[in-house]
Amino acid sequence: GKLKNNTHLIPQDTDIAHIHYTPDFSIRFPFLVTIHGNKKPGEKFLSNTVFVSQNHAQRHDSDKFVYNGIDPLEYMYNDVKEDYFLFLSKISRKEKGLNTAMMLAKKMGFRLYIAGGRKLSLNRKLKFFGEVGGKQKAELIAGAKALLFPISWEEPFGLVLIEALVSGTPVIATPKGAVPEIINPNVGFLCHNENEMLNAIENIGIIKPLTCRKYVLDNFTDEIMAKNYCRYYEKIIKNNF
């Protein structure tokens, strides 16, 4: 949460502080800022700021970024998939693409599980789960044939992408924002239009669940994220950022 001016609560011998927004007050020791969202009109960033993907950084005139990472132990791995595809995002945000996912389900007749809000539907193939977390979320992700991520905005990172992959669940997504940095042909499909999405859904079986999981273990764990941040911490402490 925001510190406001409660910096006196931080121990005096702190080497560096890591803040996840741009502070509007002075801080008496070295600090790093991570920005997670897209720039708002008039927003200014400090020089000691990093972003969460290369695309995210470039769109904000920077080359400094650290990919998000997750703890694999918080997720379930399943290489035997159940008979449904998954949409997992805030359904109230149109740019997340729920309408596209529902249209694909209707056209192809597959079962679509939707998590991230509730909505009335008379279609028996659509199942809404509302907000999910913990074991329920892990099971939903691990059991899906694929995660559908048909966004229409510049996604800074897309944490749900690596949550799916670590669970052995491939991804079908539109190549917006950071998505092309995270999804490659070994772990999913980048689709520019409806026909490419329909083709991806038909061919999702060629993606191996274990390949998806290993890709995250090699690139997007919390430990890898921490090591990458430590490099920036050292630079800031040495005034070499």
Protein backbone atom coordinates (compact mmCIF):
# COMPACT_ATOMS: atom_id res chain seq x y z
CA GLY A 1 0.00 0.00 0.00
CA LYS A 2 0.95 3.66 -0.24
CA LEU A 3 3.36 4.89 2.42
CA LYS A 4 2.04 8.47 2.31
CA ASN A 5 4.49 10.27 4.58
CA ASN A 6 4.97 7.38 6.98
CA THR A 7 8.58 6.86 5.89
CA HIS A 8 9.55 7.17 9.57
CA LEU A 9 8.18 3.62 9.92
CA ILE A 10 11.00 2.28 7.73
CA PRO A 11 14.03 1.18 9.80
CA GLN A 12 16.90 3.69 9.89
CA ASP A 13 19.45 1.14 8.64
CA THR A 14 17.50 0.28 5.47
CA ASP A 15 19.82 0.01 2.45
CA ILE A 16 17.14 0.54 -0.15
CA ALA A 17 13.35 0.90 -0.35
CA HIS A 18 11.28 -0.55 -3.17
CA ILE A 19 8.06 1.36 -3.86
CA HIS A 20 5.35 0.29 -6.29
CA TYR A 21 4.12 3.74 -7.29
CA THR A 22 5.72 7.17 -7.75
CA PRO A 23 5.98 8.79 -4.29
CA ASP A 24 4.94 12.43 -3.91
CA PHE A 25 7.22 13.00 -0.93
CA SER A 26 10.96 12.85 -0.29
CA ILE A 27 12.64 9.65 0.86
CA ARG A 28 15.88 9.87 2.85
CA PHE A 29 17.56 6.73 1.54
CA PRO A 30 18.03 5.08 -1.89
CA PHE A 31 14.87 3.71 -3.45
CA LEU A 32 13.57 2.01 -6.59
CA VAL A 33 10.13 2.48 -8.10
CA THR A 34 8.20 -0.19 -10.04
CA ILE A 35 5.31 0.97 -12.20
CA HIS A 36 2.71 -1.72 -12.94
CA GLY A 37 0.15 0.18 -15.00
CA ASN A 38 0.11 2.38 -18.09
CA LYS A 39 0.84 6.08 -17.87
CA LYS A 40 -2.08 8.35 -17.04
CA PRO A 41 -2.35 11.79 -18.68
CA GLY A 42 0.09 14.19 -17.04
CA GLU A 43 1.79 11.45 -14.99
CA LYS A 44 5.55 11.79 -14.62
CA PHE A 45 8.02 9.07 -13.65
CA LEU A 46 11.24 9.40 -11.68
CA SER A 47 14.57 8.37 -13.21
CA ASN A 48 14.90 5.48 -10.72
CA THR A 49 11.83 3.72 -12.19
CA VAL A 50 11.56 0.27 -13.74
CA PHE A 51 8.67 -1.28 -15.64
CA VAL A 52 7.36 -4.84 -15.90
CA SER A 53 8.21 -5.73 -19.52
CA GLN A 54 10.34 -4.42 -22.36
CA ASN A 55 7.26 -3.22 -24.24
CA HIS A 56 5.97 -1.50 -21.11
CA ALA A 57 9.32 0.26 -20.64
CA GLN A 58 9.64 1.31 -24.28
CA ARG A 59 6.16 2.81 -24.30
CA HIS A 60 7.26 4.96 -21.35
CA ASP A 61 10.61 6.02 -22.89
CA SER A 62 12.71 3.66 -20.79
CA ASP A 63 14.79 0.52 -21.26
CA LYS A 64 14.63 -0.59 -17.62
CA PHE A 65 12.31 -3.44 -16.71
CA VAL A 66 11.97 -6.59 -14.60
CA TYR A 67 9.52 -9.31 -15.55
CA ASN A 68 7.01 -10.33 -12.90
CA GLY A 69 7.59 -13.70 -11.30
CA ILE A 70 5.45 -16.20 -9.41
CA ASP A 71 5.99 -18.90 -6.80
CA PRO A 72 5.34 -22.20 -8.65
CA LEU A 73 4.31 -23.84 -5.36
CA GLU A 74 1.17 -21.66 -5.28
CA TYR A 75 -0.15 -23.36 -8.43
CA MET A 76 -1.15 -26.85 -9.50
CA TYR A 77 0.32 -28.62 -12.51
CA ASN A 78 -1.91 -30.87 -14.58
CA ASP A 79 -1.04 -32.43 -17.91
CA VAL A 80 -4.45 -34.10 -18.21
CA LYS A 81 -6.90 -31.41 -19.28
CA GLU A 82 -10.64 -31.28 -18.75
CA ASP A 83 -13.21 -30.34 -21.38
CA TYR A 84 -13.23 -26.55 -21.07
CA PHE A 85 -11.35 -23.39 -22.01
CA LEU A 86 -10.79 -20.64 -19.44
CA PHE A 87 -11.22 -16.87 -19.41
CA LEU A 88 -9.69 -15.35 -16.25
CA SER A 89 -9.73 -11.54 -16.05
CA LYS A 90 -11.96 -8.78 -14.72
CA ILE A 91 -15.02 -9.25 -16.92
CA SER A 92 -16.10 -5.63 -16.31
CA ARG A 93 -13.13 -4.39 -18.34
CA LYS A 94 -14.07 -4.60 -22.02
CA GLU A 95 -10.46 -4.45 -23.17
CA LYS A 96 -9.87 -7.85 -21.52
CA GLY A 97 -11.93 -9.45 -24.29
CA LEU A 98 -14.68 -11.50 -22.64
CA ASN A 99 -17.05 -10.83 -25.56
CA THR A 100 -14.50 -12.26 -27.98
CA ALA A 101 -14.03 -15.37 -25.82
CA MET A 102 -17.80 -15.89 -25.62
CA MET A 103 -18.17 -15.43 -29.37
CA LEU A 104 -15.51 -18.08 -30.01
CA ALA A 105 -17.23 -20.48 -27.59
CA LYS A 106 -20.56 -19.94 -29.33
CA LYS A 107 -19.10 -20.45 -32.82
CA MET A 108 -17.17 -23.60 -31.94
CA GLY A 109 -19.49 -25.01 -29.29
CA PHE A 110 -16.84 -25.52 -26.62
CA ARG A 111 -17.38 -25.15 -22.87
CA LEU A 112 -16.03 -21.86 -21.51
CA TYR A 113 -15.38 -21.28 -17.82
CA ILE A 114 -15.31 -17.59 -16.91
CA ALA A 115 -13.69 -16.25 -13.73
CA GLY A 116 -13.36 -12.63 -12.70
CA GLY A 117 -16.96 -11.56 -12.23
CA ARG A 118 -20.53 -12.75 -12.70
CA LYS A 119 -23.01 -12.26 -15.52
CA LEU A 120 -26.33 -13.81 -16.48
CA SER A 121 -26.21 -16.27 -19.36
CA LEU A 122 -28.71 -18.77 -20.73
CA ASN A 123 -25.98 -20.62 -22.59
CA ARG A 124 -25.26 -23.93 -20.83
CA LYS A 125 -21.74 -23.98 -22.26
CA LEU A 126 -20.81 -20.81 -20.35
CA LYS A 127 -20.11 -21.10 -16.64
CA PHE A 128 -19.37 -18.04 -14.48
CA PHE A 129 -17.33 -18.45 -11.30
CA GLY A 130 -17.13 -14.85 -10.07
CA GLU A 131 -13.93 -13.78 -8.33
CA VAL A 132 -11.67 -16.75 -7.60
CA GLY A 133 -8.51 -17.34 -5.58
CA GLY A 134 -6.48 -19.97 -3.79
CA LYS A 135 -7.15 -23.64 -4.50
CA GLN A 136 -10.24 -22.97 -6.64
CA LYS A 137 -8.30 -20.66 -8.92
CA ALA A 138 -5.35 -23.07 -9.14
CA GLU A 139 -7.66 -25.96 -10.07
CA LEU A 140 -9.53 -23.94 -12.68
CA ILE A 141 -6.30 -22.90 -14.38
CA ALA A 142 -4.67 -26.34 -14.25
CA GLY A 143 -7.72 -28.15 -15.67
CA ALA A 144 -8.26 -25.91 -18.69
CA LYS A 145 -7.36 -26.89 -22.25
CA ALA A 146 -6.13 -23.34 -22.71
CA LEU A 147 -6.37 -19.83 -21.31
CA LEU A 148 -8.11 -17.41 -23.67
CA PHE A 149 -6.56 -13.93 -23.49
CA PRO A 150 -8.04 -11.92 -26.39
CA ILE A 151 -7.15 -8.47 -25.07
CA SER A 152 -7.54 -5.22 -27.00
CA TRP A 153 -5.25 -2.97 -24.94
CA GLU A 154 -1.52 -2.56 -24.31
CA GLU A 155 -1.04 -5.04 -21.45
CA PRO A 156 1.96 -4.07 -19.25
CA PHE A 157 2.68 -7.73 -18.40
CA GLY A 158 -0.28 -10.09 -17.91
CA LEU A 159 0.36 -12.14 -14.77
CA VAL A 160 -2.39 -14.63 -15.65
CA LEU A 161 -0.31 -15.71 -18.66
CA ILE A 162 2.46 -17.17 -16.51
CA GLU A 163 -0.06 -18.47 -13.97
CA ALA A 164 -1.57 -20.53 -16.79
CA LEU A 165 1.73 -21.70 -18.20
CA VAL A 166 3.17 -22.84 -14.85
CA SER A 167 0.00 -24.94 -14.48
CA GLY A 168 0.71 -26.64 -17.82
CA THR A 169 -2.05 -24.69 -19.57
CA PRO A 170 -1.22 -23.14 -22.96
CA VAL A 171 -2.35 -19.65 -23.93
CA ILE A 172 -4.30 -18.28 -26.89
CA ALA A 173 -3.82 -14.51 -26.96
CA THR A 174 -3.76 -11.38 -29.06
CA PRO A 175 -0.26 -9.86 -29.52
CA LYS A 176 -0.83 -6.62 -27.63
CA GLY A 177 1.53 -4.95 -25.17
CA ALA A 178 3.92 -7.39 -23.50
CA VAL A 179 2.11 -10.53 -24.69
CA PRO A 180 4.52 -11.32 -27.59
CA GLU A 181 7.44 -11.19 -25.11
CA ILE A 182 5.82 -13.86 -22.94
CA ILE A 183 3.98 -16.17 -25.35
CA ASN A 184 5.97 -18.04 -28.02
CA PRO A 185 4.96 -20.91 -30.35
CA ASN A 186 6.14 -23.53 -27.84
CA VAL A 187 3.62 -22.44 -25.21
CA GLY A 188 0.70 -20.97 -27.12
CA PHE A 189 -0.68 -19.03 -30.07
CA LEU A 190 -0.58 -15.32 -30.88
CA CYS A 191 -3.67 -14.54 -32.94
CA HIS A 192 -4.28 -11.38 -34.96
CA ASN A 193 -7.86 -12.16 -35.95
CA GLU A 194 -10.82 -14.46 -35.38
CA ASN A 195 -9.73 -17.07 -37.94
CA GLU A 196 -6.35 -17.43 -36.27
CA MET A 197 -8.08 -17.88 -32.90
CA LEU A 198 -10.39 -20.56 -34.29
CA ASN A 199 -7.37 -22.35 -35.73
CA ALA A 200 -5.52 -22.10 -32.41
CA ILE A 201 -8.45 -23.62 -30.53
CA GLU A 202 -8.57 -26.53 -32.97
CA ASN A 203 -4.82 -27.14 -32.67
CA ILE A 204 -4.23 -26.48 -28.98
CA GLY A 205 -3.38 -30.15 -28.42
CA ILE A 206 0.03 -29.73 -30.09
CA ILE A 207 1.27 -27.66 -27.13
CA LYS A 208 2.84 -29.82 -24.43
CA PRO A 209 1.86 -28.94 -20.83
CA LEU A 210 5.32 -29.79 -19.48
CA THR A 211 6.94 -27.38 -21.97
CA CYS A 212 4.67 -24.62 -20.67
CA ARG A 213 5.60 -25.29 -17.06
CA LYS A 214 9.34 -25.56 -17.71
CA TYR A 215 9.27 -22.26 -19.61
CA VAL A 216 8.00 -20.45 -16.50
CA LEU A 217 10.41 -22.28 -14.18
CA ASP A 218 13.27 -21.12 -16.42
CA ASN A 219 12.12 -17.52 -16.91
CA PHE A 220 9.34 -16.23 -14.66
CA THR A 221 9.73 -17.41 -11.07
CA ASP A 222 9.76 -15.18 -8.00
CA GLU A 223 13.45 -16.08 -7.47
CA ILE A 224 14.42 -14.94 -10.98
CA MET A 225 12.45 -11.72 -10.46
CA ALA A 226 14.23 -11.09 -7.13
CA LYS A 227 17.69 -11.60 -8.70
CA ASN A 228 16.85 -9.17 -11.48
CA TYR A 229 15.67 -6.57 -8.99
CA CYS A 230 18.84 -7.02 -6.93
CA ARG A 231 20.89 -5.87 -9.94
CA TYR A 232 18.96 -2.63 -9.99
CA TYR A 233 19.23 -2.27 -6.20
CA GLU A 234 23.02 -2.52 -6.46
CA LYS A 235 23.14 0.08 -9.23
CA ILE A 236 21.04 2.53 -7.24
CA ILE A 237 23.09 2.03 -4.06
CA LYS A 238 26.26 2.69 -6.12
CA ASN A 239 24.67 5.71 -7.85
CA ASN A 240 25.05 3.87 -11.15
CA PHE A 241 21.41 3.53 -12.21
